[in-house]
Every structure is written in C-alpha cells, then in structure tokens.
N, C-alpha and C. Protein backbone atom coordinates (compact mmCIF):
# COMPACT_ATOMS: atom_id res chain seq x y z
N MET A 1 -4.56 26.14 -47.67
CA MET A 1 -4.27 26.37 -46.16
C MET A 1 -3.69 25.00 -45.69
N ALA A 2 -2.03 25.43 -44.84
CA ALA A 2 -1.44 24.19 -44.46
C ALA A 2 -2.04 23.30 -42.91
N LYS A 3 -2.02 22.25 -43.41
CA LYS A 3 -2.76 21.29 -42.08
C LYS A 3 -1.85 21.98 -40.80
N LYS A 4 -2.81 21.58 -39.57
CA LYS A 4 -2.09 21.75 -38.25
C LYS A 4 -1.40 20.41 -37.74
N LYS A 5 -0.58 20.57 -37.11
CA LYS A 5 0.18 19.48 -36.70
C LYS A 5 -0.73 18.80 -35.51
N ALA A 6 -0.52 18.13 -35.26
CA ALA A 6 -1.20 17.46 -33.73
C ALA A 6 -0.66 17.60 -32.83
N ALA A 7 -1.53 17.94 -31.56
CA ALA A 7 -0.78 18.57 -30.38
C ALA A 7 0.23 17.72 -29.54
N HIS A 8 0.03 16.44 -30.13
CA HIS A 8 1.24 15.42 -29.41
C HIS A 8 2.04 14.61 -30.48
N GLY A 9 2.76 13.90 -30.23
CA GLY A 9 3.62 13.08 -31.19
C GLY A 9 2.80 11.64 -30.96
N GLY A 10 1.76 10.90 -30.67
CA GLY A 10 1.25 10.03 -30.91
C GLY A 10 1.14 9.25 -29.63
N ALA A 11 0.65 7.74 -29.75
CA ALA A 11 0.99 6.86 -28.86
C ALA A 11 2.54 6.27 -28.83
N ARG A 12 3.09 6.30 -27.51
CA ARG A 12 4.42 5.68 -27.08
C ARG A 12 4.12 4.05 -27.20
N LEU A 13 5.34 3.68 -27.82
CA LEU A 13 5.39 1.82 -27.79
C LEU A 13 5.74 1.60 -26.38
N GLY A 14 4.69 0.52 -25.97
CA GLY A 14 4.78 -0.01 -24.81
C GLY A 14 3.85 1.22 -23.56
N ALA A 15 3.32 2.20 -24.07
CA ALA A 15 2.63 2.84 -23.03
C ALA A 15 1.07 2.18 -22.46
N GLY A 16 0.64 2.65 -21.71
CA GLY A 16 -0.57 1.85 -21.28
C GLY A 16 -0.50 1.00 -20.13
N ARG A 17 -1.76 0.41 -19.98
CA ARG A 17 -1.98 -0.82 -19.08
C ARG A 17 -1.28 -1.58 -19.43
N LYS A 18 -0.58 -2.75 -18.94
CA LYS A 18 -0.07 -3.98 -19.32
C LYS A 18 -0.91 -5.09 -19.44
N PRO A 19 -1.23 -5.79 -20.06
CA PRO A 19 -2.37 -6.88 -20.18
C PRO A 19 -1.90 -7.88 -19.15
N SER A 20 -3.09 -8.44 -18.86
CA SER A 20 -2.93 -9.11 -17.58
C SER A 20 -2.93 -11.09 -18.20
N GLU A 21 -2.43 -11.60 -17.11
CA GLU A 21 -2.17 -12.65 -17.82
C GLU A 21 -2.89 -13.37 -18.22
N ASP A 22 -4.35 -13.40 -18.08
CA ASP A 22 -5.50 -14.08 -17.84
C ASP A 22 -6.42 -13.59 -19.47
N GLY A 23 -5.57 -12.67 -19.98
CA GLY A 23 -6.16 -11.56 -20.84
C GLY A 23 -6.81 -10.23 -20.62
N PRO A 24 -7.75 -9.84 -21.95
CA PRO A 24 -8.33 -8.59 -21.43
C PRO A 24 -9.12 -8.80 -20.20
N SER A 25 -9.50 -7.31 -19.64
CA SER A 25 -10.33 -7.71 -18.35
C SER A 25 -11.84 -6.89 -18.81
N VAL A 26 -12.91 -7.23 -18.72
CA VAL A 26 -14.17 -6.94 -18.69
C VAL A 26 -15.01 -6.60 -17.46
N PRO A 27 -15.52 -5.35 -17.41
CA PRO A 27 -16.74 -5.14 -16.43
C PRO A 27 -17.51 -6.01 -16.20
N VAL A 28 -17.82 -6.55 -14.84
CA VAL A 28 -19.11 -7.39 -14.47
C VAL A 28 -19.51 -6.43 -13.48
N THR A 29 -21.00 -6.28 -13.64
CA THR A 29 -21.86 -5.82 -12.47
C THR A 29 -22.76 -7.06 -11.73
N ALA A 30 -22.51 -6.91 -10.70
CA ALA A 30 -23.41 -8.08 -9.57
C ALA A 30 -24.31 -7.50 -8.23
N THR A 31 -24.97 -7.86 -7.87
CA THR A 31 -25.67 -7.17 -6.55
C THR A 31 -25.18 -8.61 -5.37
N VAL A 32 -24.43 -7.80 -4.58
CA VAL A 32 -23.84 -8.74 -3.57
C VAL A 32 -24.79 -8.43 -2.29
N PRO A 33 -24.62 -9.64 -1.13
CA PRO A 33 -25.01 -9.17 0.12
C PRO A 33 -23.86 -7.69 0.79
N GLU A 34 -24.43 -6.60 1.36
CA GLU A 34 -23.29 -5.98 1.81
C GLU A 34 -22.45 -6.55 3.11
N SER A 35 -22.77 -7.21 3.62
CA SER A 35 -22.29 -8.26 4.66
C SER A 35 -20.81 -8.83 3.75
N LEU A 36 -21.08 -9.21 2.78
CA LEU A 36 -19.94 -9.94 1.61
C LEU A 36 -19.12 -8.86 1.29
N VAL A 37 -19.32 -7.93 0.77
CA VAL A 37 -18.80 -6.70 0.28
C VAL A 37 -17.93 -6.18 1.39
N THR A 38 -18.64 -6.21 2.73
CA THR A 38 -17.59 -5.56 3.79
C THR A 38 -16.31 -6.56 4.14
N ALA A 39 -17.16 -8.08 3.82
CA ALA A 39 -15.83 -9.25 4.08
C ALA A 39 -14.78 -9.16 2.84
N LEU A 40 -14.78 -8.85 2.08
CA LEU A 40 -14.27 -8.74 1.12
C LEU A 40 -13.19 -7.79 0.85
N GLU A 41 -13.68 -6.36 1.18
CA GLU A 41 -13.02 -5.31 1.51
C GLU A 41 -11.87 -5.36 2.69
N ALA A 42 -12.28 -5.90 3.23
CA ALA A 42 -11.32 -6.16 4.49
C ALA A 42 -10.44 -7.30 3.95
N ILE A 43 -10.58 -8.18 3.44
CA ILE A 43 -9.55 -9.10 2.61
C ILE A 43 -8.79 -8.12 2.05
N ALA A 44 -9.51 -7.81 1.01
CA ALA A 44 -8.64 -6.61 -0.15
C ALA A 44 -7.62 -5.68 0.92
N GLU A 45 -7.67 -4.85 1.61
CA GLU A 45 -6.88 -4.34 2.38
C GLU A 45 -5.88 -4.64 2.70
N ALA A 46 -6.26 -5.89 3.74
CA ALA A 46 -5.41 -6.75 4.18
C ALA A 46 -3.91 -7.06 3.26
N GLU A 47 -4.82 -7.76 2.27
CA GLU A 47 -3.67 -8.29 1.30
C GLU A 47 -2.98 -6.69 0.35
N GLY A 48 -3.99 -5.67 0.51
CA GLY A 48 -3.09 -4.42 -0.64
C GLY A 48 -3.52 -4.64 -1.54
N TRP A 49 -4.83 -5.19 -2.14
CA TRP A 49 -5.91 -4.91 -3.39
C TRP A 49 -6.58 -4.29 -3.33
N SER A 50 -6.98 -3.99 -4.54
CA SER A 50 -8.14 -3.08 -4.91
C SER A 50 -9.30 -4.11 -4.61
N ARG A 51 -10.66 -3.82 -4.94
CA ARG A 51 -11.95 -4.61 -4.79
C ARG A 51 -11.91 -5.39 -5.88
N SER A 52 -11.38 -5.02 -7.32
CA SER A 52 -11.50 -5.50 -8.38
C SER A 52 -10.24 -6.66 -8.10
N LYS A 53 -9.39 -6.56 -7.71
CA LYS A 53 -8.30 -7.86 -7.54
C LYS A 53 -9.01 -8.87 -6.69
N ALA A 54 -9.78 -8.26 -5.70
CA ALA A 54 -10.00 -9.26 -4.65
C ALA A 54 -11.33 -10.05 -5.28
N VAL A 55 -12.11 -9.37 -6.01
CA VAL A 55 -12.90 -10.20 -6.58
C VAL A 55 -12.36 -11.00 -7.77
N THR A 56 -11.47 -10.57 -8.42
CA THR A 56 -11.07 -11.39 -9.55
C THR A 56 -10.46 -12.48 -8.72
N GLU A 57 -9.82 -12.39 -7.56
CA GLU A 57 -9.34 -13.91 -6.75
C GLU A 57 -10.38 -14.79 -6.34
N ALA A 58 -11.14 -14.13 -5.73
CA ALA A 58 -12.53 -14.91 -5.50
C ALA A 58 -12.91 -16.01 -6.50
N ILE A 59 -13.20 -15.03 -7.88
CA ILE A 59 -13.94 -15.92 -8.75
C ILE A 59 -12.75 -16.81 -9.44
N ARG A 60 -11.57 -16.90 -9.44
CA ARG A 60 -10.37 -17.46 -9.95
C ARG A 60 -10.80 -18.71 -8.46
N LEU A 61 -10.57 -18.72 -7.34
CA LEU A 61 -10.87 -20.01 -6.21
C LEU A 61 -11.84 -20.59 -6.78
N LEU A 62 -12.93 -19.83 -6.78
CA LEU A 62 -14.24 -20.74 -7.08
C LEU A 62 -14.30 -21.79 -8.47
N VAL A 63 -13.97 -21.04 -9.38
CA VAL A 63 -13.16 -21.72 -10.66
C VAL A 63 -12.58 -22.84 -10.42
N ALA A 64 -11.33 -22.49 -9.84
CA ALA A 64 -10.42 -23.56 -9.68
C ALA A 64 -10.94 -24.82 -9.07
N ARG A 65 -11.65 -24.62 -7.50
CA ARG A 65 -12.57 -25.72 -6.68
C ARG A 65 -13.39 -26.31 -7.82
N LYS A 66 -14.31 -25.44 -8.75
CA LYS A 66 -15.21 -26.21 -9.54
C LYS A 66 -14.52 -27.33 -10.21
N LYS A 67 -13.53 -26.76 -10.73
CA LYS A 67 -12.54 -27.68 -11.60
C LYS A 67 -12.41 -29.08 -11.26
N ARG A 68 -11.77 -29.06 -9.82
CA ARG A 68 -11.52 -30.47 -9.23
C ARG A 68 -12.42 -31.77 -9.48
C-alpha cells in the first residue's frame, strides 16, 4: 500500500513568532491586587500594549532600578 502524502507542505522558513531580543518568553502566574491590574491595563491601553507587554515593561524597569 502506498504512503499518503502530508496534508500540507511543512514548516516554512521564517514562519512563526519572531524571537524577542531578550530570548524566549515563559509564562508567569502571579496574584496581584485588582487596583494594580486596573492601573496597569490603563497604562497598557494608553501605550497600545498588551497586558503581557505592560507586565514585561514593569518588570524590566524594576530590574533596571535594582541593578543601580
């Protein structure tokens, strides 16, 4: 019996999400006061960011401040 061909041609070179300048992303789960989430979402909306991007930027600022 003959083998069936794949339904698609396989992965394309350069396809998919581009890697971040900081390396691969990992999920982080945290419990945060609702008031902080509301404030963070307001900032994210004003900047045109996702919530994830806003959290990343907040962590980046904290890490930079602590390195000084």
